[in-house]
Amino acid sequence: MRYCDLVSFHKLTNDVYNPDTGEYESGNDAKTDLYANVTDVGTNQQMQLFGALNTNTKTIRLRVSLPDEWQYLTINNQSQKYVLKTVINTQKGVSLIVGEQQ
């Protein structure tokens, strides 16, 4: 199995007050990049897990553990955001099933 896709886990922080300007500035986007194996979820698996067919669902397999906190992820620096649906811990790593963020 090849781990050749770059998956970026994003954590948005709250707005920060700047005492010099007296205004709130937008928070930072903390990003953690990990290489993973990304595939589409098969139709049989989707029906068993979710009871419905959704073509915008991906399986992400990681060799290392997940970042502690994150809100969404992107794949290969694309603009589409994915959110967590299911986590599966195995002996060889972690598998995530994610869906497109609406």
Protein backbone atom coordinates (compact mmCIF):
# COMPACT_ATOMS: atom_id res chain seq x y z
CA MET A 1 0.00 0.00 0.00
CA ARG A 2 1.40 3.38 -1.01
CA TYR A 3 1.16 6.39 1.28
CA CYS A 4 1.59 9.05 -1.39
CA ASP A 5 -1.27 11.51 -0.74
CA LEU A 6 -0.69 14.61 1.38
CA VAL A 7 -3.47 15.03 3.95
CA SER A 8 -3.60 18.33 5.86
CA PHE A 9 -5.43 18.43 9.20
CA HIS A 10 -6.66 21.97 9.98
CA LYS A 11 -7.44 23.49 13.36
CA LEU A 12 -8.95 26.96 13.38
CA THR A 13 -8.27 29.16 16.37
CA ASN A 14 -10.53 31.92 17.68
CA ASP A 15 -10.13 35.56 16.77
CA VAL A 16 -7.38 37.29 18.71
CA TYR A 17 -7.58 40.77 20.22
CA ASN A 18 -4.75 43.07 19.12
CA PRO A 19 -4.17 45.74 21.80
CA ASP A 20 -2.10 47.88 19.41
CA THR A 21 -4.96 48.38 16.92
CA GLY A 22 -7.83 47.85 19.37
CA GLU A 23 -9.51 45.37 17.00
CA TYR A 24 -9.98 41.64 16.73
CA GLU A 25 -7.91 39.90 14.08
CA SER A 26 -8.77 36.61 12.46
CA GLY A 27 -7.38 33.52 14.15
CA ASN A 28 -4.73 31.26 12.74
CA ASP A 29 -5.20 28.06 10.78
CA ALA A 30 -2.89 25.52 12.44
CA LYS A 31 -2.12 22.81 9.92
CA THR A 32 -0.53 19.36 10.32
CA ASP A 33 0.56 17.56 7.14
CA LEU A 34 0.76 13.76 7.02
CA TYR A 35 1.20 11.31 4.15
CA ALA A 36 -1.61 8.80 3.78
CA ASN A 37 -3.29 6.30 1.48
CA VAL A 38 -6.56 7.81 0.18
CA THR A 39 -9.23 5.78 -1.64
CA ASP A 40 -12.94 6.06 -2.31
CA VAL A 41 -15.23 4.05 -0.05
CA GLY A 42 -16.83 1.13 -1.90
CA THR A 43 -20.59 0.99 -2.40
CA ASN A 44 -21.04 -2.17 -0.27
CA GLN A 45 -19.09 -0.63 2.61
CA GLN A 46 -21.14 2.59 2.42
CA MET A 47 -24.42 0.69 2.56
CA GLN A 48 -23.25 -1.33 5.59
CA LEU A 49 -21.88 1.67 7.52
CA PHE A 50 -24.28 4.46 6.63
CA GLY A 51 -27.32 2.81 5.05
CA ALA A 52 -27.09 5.17 2.07
CA LEU A 53 -24.89 5.74 -0.95
CA ASN A 54 -22.73 8.87 -0.96
CA THR A 55 -20.15 9.31 -3.72
CA ASN A 56 -18.22 11.98 -1.81
CA THR A 57 -16.82 9.68 0.89
CA LYS A 58 -13.14 8.77 1.21
CA THR A 59 -11.12 6.30 3.28
CA ILE A 60 -7.83 7.65 4.63
CA ARG A 61 -5.25 5.26 6.05
CA LEU A 62 -2.42 6.62 8.22
CA ARG A 63 0.65 4.90 9.65
CA VAL A 64 0.86 7.37 12.54
CA SER A 65 -1.70 8.59 15.05
CA LEU A 66 -4.06 11.48 14.38
CA PRO A 67 -3.36 15.03 15.51
CA ASP A 68 -4.96 15.79 18.89
CA GLU A 69 -7.51 18.34 17.69
CA TRP A 70 -8.68 19.23 14.19
CA GLN A 71 -11.90 20.48 12.57
CA TYR A 72 -11.49 19.45 8.93
CA LEU A 73 -8.93 18.07 6.49
CA THR A 74 -7.91 18.63 2.89
CA ILE A 75 -6.34 16.18 0.47
CA ASN A 76 -3.39 17.08 -1.79
CA ASN A 77 -3.82 20.84 -1.14
CA GLN A 78 -7.21 20.96 -2.87
CA SER A 79 -9.90 23.39 -1.72
CA GLN A 80 -12.49 20.70 -0.86
CA LYS A 81 -12.85 20.21 2.91
CA TYR A 82 -13.65 16.84 4.50
CA VAL A 83 -15.05 16.15 7.97
CA LEU A 84 -14.79 13.01 10.10
CA LYS A 85 -17.47 10.31 9.92
CA THR A 86 -15.74 7.25 11.46
CA VAL A 87 -12.36 6.31 13.00
CA ILE A 88 -11.02 2.75 12.93
CA ASN A 89 -7.87 1.92 14.96
CA THR A 90 -5.88 -1.09 13.75
CA GLN A 91 -2.52 -2.60 14.65
CA LYS A 92 -0.92 -1.10 11.55
CA GLY A 93 -2.31 2.41 11.97
CA VAL A 94 -5.47 4.49 11.85
CA SER A 95 -8.19 4.54 9.20
CA LEU A 96 -10.63 7.42 8.79
CA ILE A 97 -13.81 7.60 6.80
CA VAL A 98 -14.50 11.21 5.86
CA GLY A 99 -17.19 13.02 3.88
CA GLU A 100 -17.30 16.35 2.12
CA GLN A 101 -18.11 19.33 4.29
CA GLN A 102 -21.35 21.03 3.26
